[in-house]
Amino acid sequence: MAWRGGMGCNPGAMEYLTLTLLKSAVQQGRVEVALHAQVEAIHRKDTREGKPFIEVHLADAEGKLVLRAWSDSPAFTACEGLAKGCFVEVSGEFSQGTAFGPEAKRWTCRELSSDERAVLLAGSVERRARQDGDYAALCGLLGSIEDPRLKALCRLFLEEYGDRFRRAAAARANHHARRGGLVEHVAQMARSADAVATAYKNLNRDLLLAGVLFHDCGKLWENGLPADGFQMPFDERGELLGHITIGIELVNALWRKLLTRDEAREWGGLHPASEDVRMHLLHLLASHHGELQYGSPVVPKTPEAWALHYVDNLDAKLEMMHAAYAQAKRLAPRIQEKQWPLPGHLVEPLARFGR
């Protein structure tokens, strides 16, 4: 949905789009709109002919975009004054480029006020509502866990890391690669896992739901975002260990903390034994990529581990397809260009039956 008026221009004079919506809008033709975003990087480069231009990498709560300002355009001078990390409004005429995605003509930019920056960081009304709803739904499903050890572990994680969890992205690219994307990914996985556990009664629903919450918890470091920006920093812990190893370390630390609490005294006679519960949860984290070549130190060896792997992969693939349909070039009626890492051209899905 578009943002209109009240954000730094004359009300009603310009339509505001998120970066993701812009990529979809230019598929229909030229649009004159404004964007609010953070400068993720800025580079001065030269063409093969030696003509200078400035490349501006923009990011908002939903996506990323690269714009180029050529030396003979008014935007070139404006961009020379920009710095990495600043928040800007970019307004102009946008169209679908031939090689680099959306391109802008006769565009201008200015820095945002502190109030405008706060609105941008919060995300669009629609995105905030979706993520708030996803978080509430996730908390509801986790609250239905019957095993007191897994339930307490999930609760402790959200108490200590909830804010950071709600800011993190699920990846740097490909799927849910945006502020708050990890909550969207985990919540949808939890809904799917609940449905799978309903269909396959032999699955340990409690373990599967806990595995969904913790499978990517290491991405709070590997793909974490700061409270005041959209720039995803590179974290030394994330680089050296990766999110699976970090996640295992985190679960063990939280588990040890739980064992010091009074409630843990009541767990001695529970079945299965607490140590078995911990080990099976750690196996879900360790094996959720499915294959050794994709980064898992072990392959799935339990029904819950296989279920988690497929639920994770399903949500990632469907999210990739959703994003690809919005921005892929059209090759023929109902056929769109392949988008990496999906394996082939996109074909328009069959509409639902309706009378």
Protein backbone atom coordinates (compact mmCIF):
# COMPACT_ATOMS: atom_id res chain seq x y z
CA MET A 1 0.00 0.00 0.00
CA ALA A 2 1.16 3.56 -0.65
CA TRP A 3 1.95 6.17 1.96
CA ARG A 4 0.36 9.48 1.07
CA GLY A 5 1.07 12.96 2.35
CA GLY A 6 2.12 14.13 5.80
CA MET A 7 5.74 12.97 5.51
CA GLY A 8 7.71 15.99 4.43
CA CYS A 9 6.11 17.10 1.16
CA ASN A 10 2.98 19.05 0.46
CA PRO A 11 0.11 16.77 1.52
CA GLY A 12 -1.28 14.95 -1.49
CA ALA A 13 1.44 16.29 -3.83
CA MET A 14 3.40 13.07 -3.99
CA GLU A 15 2.65 9.40 -3.47
CA TYR A 16 5.01 7.49 -1.16
CA LEU A 17 5.98 3.90 -1.86
CA THR A 18 8.13 1.43 -0.01
CA LEU A 19 11.06 0.08 -2.00
CA THR A 20 9.29 -3.23 -2.49
CA LEU A 21 6.11 -1.58 -3.76
CA LEU A 22 8.14 0.58 -6.13
CA LYS A 23 9.65 -2.52 -7.76
CA SER A 24 6.14 -3.82 -8.33
CA ALA A 25 4.74 -0.47 -9.54
CA VAL A 26 7.33 0.06 -12.29
CA GLN A 27 6.26 -3.23 -13.85
CA GLN A 28 3.13 -1.37 -14.96
CA GLY A 29 5.01 1.62 -16.39
CA ARG A 30 6.48 4.94 -15.29
CA VAL A 31 5.47 6.31 -11.89
CA GLU A 32 6.17 9.61 -10.18
CA VAL A 33 6.61 8.89 -6.50
CA ALA A 34 8.76 9.54 -3.44
CA LEU A 35 10.70 7.10 -1.29
CA HIS A 36 11.88 7.33 2.30
CA ALA A 37 14.93 5.20 3.01
CA GLN A 38 18.30 4.94 4.71
CA VAL A 39 21.55 5.18 2.75
CA GLU A 40 23.17 1.78 3.24
CA ALA A 41 26.22 2.60 1.13
CA ILE A 42 27.35 5.24 -1.33
CA HIS A 43 30.07 4.84 -3.97
CA ARG A 44 31.58 7.17 -6.55
CA LYS A 45 32.41 5.29 -9.75
CA ASP A 46 33.29 5.86 -13.41
CA THR A 47 31.83 4.45 -16.59
CA ARG A 48 34.00 2.76 -19.19
CA GLU A 49 34.24 6.13 -20.91
CA GLY A 50 35.48 7.76 -17.72
CA LYS A 51 32.21 9.53 -16.94
CA PRO A 52 31.69 9.75 -13.16
CA PHE A 53 28.49 8.65 -11.43
CA ILE A 54 27.36 8.01 -7.87
CA GLU A 55 25.78 4.74 -6.80
CA VAL A 56 23.43 5.02 -3.81
CA HIS A 57 22.31 1.86 -1.97
CA LEU A 58 18.99 2.45 -0.18
CA ALA A 59 17.17 0.32 2.40
CA ASP A 60 13.84 0.54 4.22
CA ALA A 61 11.86 -1.83 6.43
CA GLU A 62 10.92 -4.01 3.45
CA GLY A 63 13.65 -4.02 0.86
CA LYS A 64 16.66 -2.52 -0.88
CA LEU A 65 17.28 -0.51 -4.02
CA VAL A 66 20.30 0.87 -5.89
CA LEU A 67 20.01 4.23 -7.66
CA ARG A 68 22.59 5.89 -9.89
CA ALA A 69 23.15 9.61 -10.25
CA TRP A 70 25.00 10.62 -13.40
CA SER A 71 27.38 13.58 -13.44
CA ASP A 72 25.12 15.68 -15.69
CA SER A 73 22.05 15.33 -13.42
CA PRO A 74 20.97 17.53 -10.50
CA ALA A 75 20.94 14.46 -8.27
CA PHE A 76 24.71 14.09 -8.65
CA THR A 77 25.45 17.22 -6.64
CA ALA A 78 22.89 16.32 -3.98
CA CYS A 79 24.33 12.83 -3.58
CA GLU A 80 27.84 14.17 -3.05
CA GLY A 81 26.63 15.53 0.28
CA LEU A 82 25.14 12.23 1.47
CA ALA A 83 26.81 9.92 3.96
CA LYS A 84 26.38 6.27 4.81
CA GLY A 85 23.66 5.82 7.41
CA CYS A 86 21.73 9.03 6.73
CA PHE A 87 17.97 8.99 6.10
CA VAL A 88 16.67 10.56 2.90
CA GLU A 89 13.65 11.25 0.78
CA VAL A 90 14.13 10.50 -2.92
CA SER A 91 11.48 11.82 -5.29
CA GLY A 92 11.29 11.60 -9.05
CA GLU A 93 10.10 9.60 -12.04
CA PHE A 94 10.82 5.89 -11.83
CA SER A 95 10.67 3.22 -14.51
CA GLN A 96 11.80 -0.37 -15.02
CA GLY A 97 15.43 -0.40 -16.12
CA THR A 98 16.91 -2.80 -18.63
CA ALA A 99 19.64 -4.21 -16.40
CA PHE A 100 19.61 -2.83 -12.87
CA GLY A 101 15.95 -2.83 -11.80
CA PRO A 102 14.05 0.43 -11.21
CA GLU A 103 15.72 3.56 -12.54
CA ALA A 104 15.00 7.20 -11.65
CA LYS A 105 14.97 10.29 -13.85
CA ARG A 106 14.98 13.93 -12.75
CA TRP A 107 15.17 12.82 -9.14
CA THR A 108 16.08 14.84 -6.11
CA CYS A 109 16.86 13.94 -2.52
CA ARG A 110 16.88 15.55 0.91
CA GLU A 111 17.56 14.39 4.44
CA LEU A 112 14.60 13.39 6.61
CA SER A 113 13.62 15.12 9.82
CA SER A 114 13.82 13.24 13.12
CA ASP A 115 10.04 12.69 13.10
CA GLU A 116 10.12 11.33 9.55
CA ARG A 117 13.00 9.05 10.51
CA ALA A 118 11.01 7.61 13.42
CA VAL A 119 8.04 6.87 11.14
CA LEU A 120 10.31 5.18 8.61
CA LEU A 121 12.02 2.99 11.23
CA ALA A 122 8.61 1.81 12.46
CA GLY A 123 7.75 0.56 8.96
CA SER A 124 4.55 1.02 7.02
CA VAL A 125 1.22 0.69 8.80
CA GLU A 126 0.54 -2.55 6.96
CA ARG A 127 3.95 -4.02 7.79
CA ARG A 128 3.70 -3.08 11.47
CA ALA A 129 0.23 -4.62 11.71
CA ARG A 130 1.43 -7.82 10.04
CA GLN A 131 4.47 -8.21 12.25
CA ASP A 132 2.51 -7.40 15.42
CA GLY A 133 -0.06 -9.99 14.40
CA ASP A 134 2.65 -12.54 13.62
CA TYR A 135 4.32 -12.02 16.98
CA ALA A 136 1.02 -12.36 18.84
CA ALA A 137 0.17 -15.54 16.91
CA LEU A 138 3.60 -16.98 17.62
CA CYS A 139 3.31 -16.23 21.34
CA GLY A 140 -0.10 -17.92 21.35
CA LEU A 141 1.23 -21.11 19.77
CA LEU A 142 4.25 -21.21 22.06
CA GLY A 143 1.95 -20.67 25.01
CA SER A 144 0.10 -23.86 24.06
CA ILE A 145 3.23 -26.00 24.56
CA GLU A 146 2.52 -28.55 27.29
CA ASP A 147 6.08 -29.60 28.19
CA PRO A 148 6.97 -27.19 31.05
CA ARG A 149 10.68 -27.25 30.18
CA LEU A 150 10.24 -26.25 26.54
CA LYS A 151 7.55 -23.73 27.45
CA ALA A 152 9.80 -22.10 30.06
CA LEU A 153 12.73 -22.06 27.62
CA CYS A 154 10.67 -20.29 24.94
CA ARG A 155 9.34 -17.79 27.48
CA LEU A 156 12.84 -17.00 28.78
CA PHE A 157 14.15 -16.43 25.25
CA LEU A 158 11.38 -13.96 24.45
CA GLU A 159 11.84 -12.18 27.78
CA GLU A 160 15.56 -11.68 27.26
CA TYR A 161 15.80 -11.29 23.49
CA GLY A 162 12.29 -10.36 22.32
CA ASP A 163 13.14 -6.84 21.13
CA ARG A 164 16.21 -8.01 19.27
CA PHE A 165 14.27 -10.95 17.81
CA ARG A 166 11.59 -8.59 16.47
CA ARG A 167 14.19 -6.47 14.65
CA ALA A 168 16.25 -9.27 13.09
CA ALA A 169 16.06 -10.38 9.47
CA ALA A 170 15.77 -14.02 8.48
CA ALA A 171 18.57 -13.66 5.90
CA ARG A 172 20.77 -11.13 4.15
CA ALA A 173 19.14 -11.94 0.82
CA ASN A 174 16.62 -14.27 -0.83
CA HIS A 175 13.86 -14.49 1.79
CA HIS A 176 12.55 -12.31 4.63
CA ALA A 177 15.69 -10.19 4.26
CA ARG A 178 14.21 -7.19 6.03
CA ARG A 179 13.80 -5.66 9.44
CA GLY A 180 11.39 -7.89 11.36
CA GLY A 181 11.60 -10.59 8.71
CA LEU A 182 12.66 -13.25 11.22
CA VAL A 183 9.42 -12.88 13.19
CA GLU A 184 7.39 -13.20 9.97
CA HIS A 185 9.33 -16.32 8.98
CA VAL A 186 9.16 -18.00 12.40
CA ALA A 187 5.46 -17.20 12.91
CA GLN A 188 4.49 -18.68 9.54
CA MET A 189 6.64 -21.72 10.23
CA ALA A 190 4.90 -22.15 13.59
CA ARG A 191 1.48 -22.10 11.91
CA SER A 192 2.67 -24.71 9.41
CA ALA A 193 4.29 -26.83 12.11
CA ASP A 194 1.06 -26.78 14.12
CA ALA A 195 -0.87 -27.97 11.07
CA VAL A 196 1.70 -30.68 10.28
CA ALA A 197 1.61 -31.93 13.87
CA THR A 198 -2.18 -32.09 13.64
CA ALA A 199 -1.98 -34.18 10.48
CA TYR A 200 0.84 -36.42 11.75
CA LYS A 201 -0.17 -37.40 15.25
CA ASN A 202 3.10 -39.21 15.96
CA LEU A 203 5.08 -35.96 15.90
CA ASN A 204 6.10 -34.32 19.17
CA ARG A 205 4.26 -31.01 18.71
CA ASP A 206 5.91 -29.33 21.70
CA LEU A 207 9.40 -30.15 20.46
CA LEU A 208 8.59 -29.11 16.90
CA LEU A 209 7.20 -25.71 17.96
CA ALA A 210 10.21 -25.04 20.19
CA GLY A 211 12.47 -26.02 17.31
CA VAL A 212 10.73 -23.51 15.07
CA LEU A 213 11.39 -20.69 17.55
CA PHE A 214 15.04 -21.57 18.11
CA HIS A 215 16.15 -22.89 14.71
CA ASP A 216 17.33 -19.44 13.55
CA CYS A 217 17.89 -17.77 16.92
CA GLY A 218 21.58 -17.38 16.07
CA LYS A 219 20.52 -14.90 13.39
CA LEU A 220 19.96 -12.34 16.13
CA TRP A 221 23.71 -11.92 15.68
CA GLU A 222 24.29 -13.12 12.14
CA ASN A 223 21.43 -11.01 10.70
CA GLY A 224 20.71 -8.60 13.54
CA LEU A 225 19.67 -5.01 12.92
CA PRO A 226 20.22 -2.03 15.22
CA ALA A 227 17.38 -0.20 16.92
CA ASP A 228 18.05 2.94 14.86
CA GLY A 229 18.61 1.75 11.31
CA PHE A 230 18.20 -0.68 8.43
CA GLN A 231 21.88 -1.38 7.89
CA MET A 232 22.64 -4.97 8.78
CA PRO A 233 26.16 -4.97 10.22
CA PHE A 234 28.58 -7.84 9.90
CA ASP A 235 29.09 -9.44 13.29
CA GLU A 236 32.33 -11.22 14.15
CA ARG A 237 30.52 -13.91 16.12
CA GLY A 238 28.20 -14.50 13.18
CA GLU A 239 31.11 -14.72 10.76
CA LEU A 240 33.24 -17.06 12.87
CA LEU A 241 30.52 -19.38 14.15
CA GLY A 242 27.38 -19.03 12.00
CA HIS A 243 23.83 -19.00 13.26
CA ILE A 244 23.52 -22.76 13.88
CA THR A 245 26.48 -22.85 16.25
CA ILE A 246 25.40 -19.62 17.95
CA GLY A 247 21.88 -21.00 18.35
CA ILE A 248 23.12 -24.17 20.03
CA GLU A 249 25.28 -22.11 22.38
CA LEU A 250 22.34 -19.84 23.22
CA VAL A 251 19.92 -22.71 23.92
CA ASN A 252 22.47 -24.32 26.24
CA ALA A 253 23.02 -21.04 28.08
CA LEU A 254 19.28 -20.50 28.56
CA TRP A 255 18.82 -24.12 29.65
CA ARG A 256 21.52 -23.77 32.32
CA LYS A 257 19.84 -20.60 33.55
CA LEU A 258 16.49 -22.38 33.83
CA LEU A 259 18.03 -25.15 35.91
CA THR A 260 18.90 -22.60 38.63
CA ARG A 261 15.24 -21.62 39.07
CA ASP A 262 12.83 -23.09 41.57
CA GLU A 263 10.53 -24.44 38.86
CA ALA A 264 13.31 -26.76 37.65
CA ARG A 265 13.13 -28.72 40.92
CA GLU A 266 9.81 -30.14 39.76
CA TRP A 267 11.26 -31.52 36.53
CA GLY A 268 13.21 -34.42 38.01
CA GLY A 269 10.45 -36.98 37.61
CA LEU A 270 9.17 -35.85 34.22
CA HIS A 271 9.18 -38.11 31.19
CA PRO A 272 10.96 -37.87 28.84
CA ALA A 273 13.99 -36.88 30.93
CA SER A 274 15.09 -33.25 30.75
CA GLU A 275 18.47 -34.14 29.26
CA ASP A 276 16.74 -36.03 26.44
CA VAL A 277 14.53 -33.01 25.75
CA ARG A 278 17.56 -30.72 25.54
CA MET A 279 19.47 -33.06 23.21
CA HIS A 280 16.55 -33.52 20.82
CA LEU A 281 15.97 -29.77 20.66
CA LEU A 282 19.65 -29.18 19.89
CA HIS A 283 19.42 -31.80 17.12
CA LEU A 284 16.64 -29.80 15.48
CA LEU A 285 18.86 -26.71 15.42
CA ALA A 286 21.88 -28.63 14.17
CA SER A 287 20.08 -30.44 11.33
CA HIS A 288 17.50 -27.92 10.07
CA HIS A 289 19.38 -27.14 6.82
CA GLY A 290 18.79 -30.75 5.85
CA GLU A 291 22.14 -31.58 4.26
CA LEU A 292 25.78 -31.26 5.23
CA GLN A 293 26.54 -29.30 2.06
CA TYR A 294 24.09 -26.59 3.14
CA GLY A 295 25.78 -25.99 6.49
CA SER A 296 24.17 -28.43 8.90
CA PRO A 297 26.74 -30.37 10.95
CA VAL A 298 24.38 -33.39 10.96
CA VAL A 299 21.48 -34.54 8.79
CA PRO A 300 17.96 -34.88 10.27
CA LYS A 301 17.65 -38.13 12.23
CA THR A 302 14.22 -37.80 13.87
CA PRO A 303 10.70 -37.18 12.51
CA GLU A 304 10.61 -33.73 14.13
CA ALA A 305 13.94 -32.81 12.55
CA TRP A 306 12.67 -33.71 9.07
CA ALA A 307 9.41 -31.86 9.68
CA LEU A 308 11.26 -28.74 10.81
CA HIS A 309 13.56 -28.84 7.79
CA TYR A 310 10.69 -29.06 5.31
CA VAL A 311 8.55 -26.44 7.06
CA ASP A 312 11.55 -24.07 7.03
CA ASN A 313 12.29 -24.73 3.36
CA LEU A 314 8.64 -24.40 2.34
CA ASP A 315 8.23 -20.98 3.92
CA ALA A 316 11.51 -19.72 2.46
CA LYS A 317 10.64 -20.89 -1.07
CA LEU A 318 7.11 -19.46 -1.04
CA GLU A 319 8.42 -16.13 0.23
CA MET A 320 10.98 -16.06 -2.59
CA MET A 321 8.25 -16.73 -5.13
CA HIS A 322 6.00 -14.03 -3.69
CA ALA A 323 8.82 -11.48 -4.01
CA ALA A 324 9.78 -12.72 -7.48
CA TYR A 325 6.27 -12.35 -8.91
CA ALA A 326 6.26 -8.72 -7.77
CA GLN A 327 9.42 -7.73 -9.62
CA ALA A 328 10.39 -10.25 -12.31
CA LYS A 329 10.26 -9.14 -15.93
CA ARG A 330 7.43 -10.53 -18.03
CA LEU A 331 8.57 -12.80 -20.85
CA ALA A 332 5.19 -13.82 -22.23
CA PRO A 333 1.57 -13.89 -21.09
CA ARG A 334 1.56 -15.53 -17.63
CA ILE A 335 5.33 -16.21 -17.74
CA GLN A 336 7.96 -14.18 -15.90
CA GLU A 337 11.74 -14.25 -15.87
CA LYS A 338 13.65 -16.56 -13.53
CA GLN A 339 14.73 -14.99 -10.25
CA TRP A 340 17.77 -16.38 -8.44
CA PRO A 341 17.93 -18.70 -6.50
CA LEU A 342 14.67 -20.19 -7.83
CA PRO A 343 15.44 -22.82 -10.49
CA GLY A 344 13.25 -21.76 -13.41
CA HIS A 345 10.97 -19.19 -15.00
CA LEU A 346 7.90 -18.18 -13.02
CA VAL A 347 4.48 -19.17 -14.29
CA GLU A 348 1.38 -17.38 -13.04
CA PRO A 349 -0.34 -19.58 -10.44
CA LEU A 350 -3.80 -21.00 -11.05
CA ALA A 351 -6.53 -18.87 -9.50
CA ARG A 352 -8.65 -20.41 -6.77
CA PHE A 353 -11.95 -21.89 -7.87
CA GLY A 354 -14.87 -19.60 -7.31
CA ARG A 355 -18.46 -19.55 -8.46
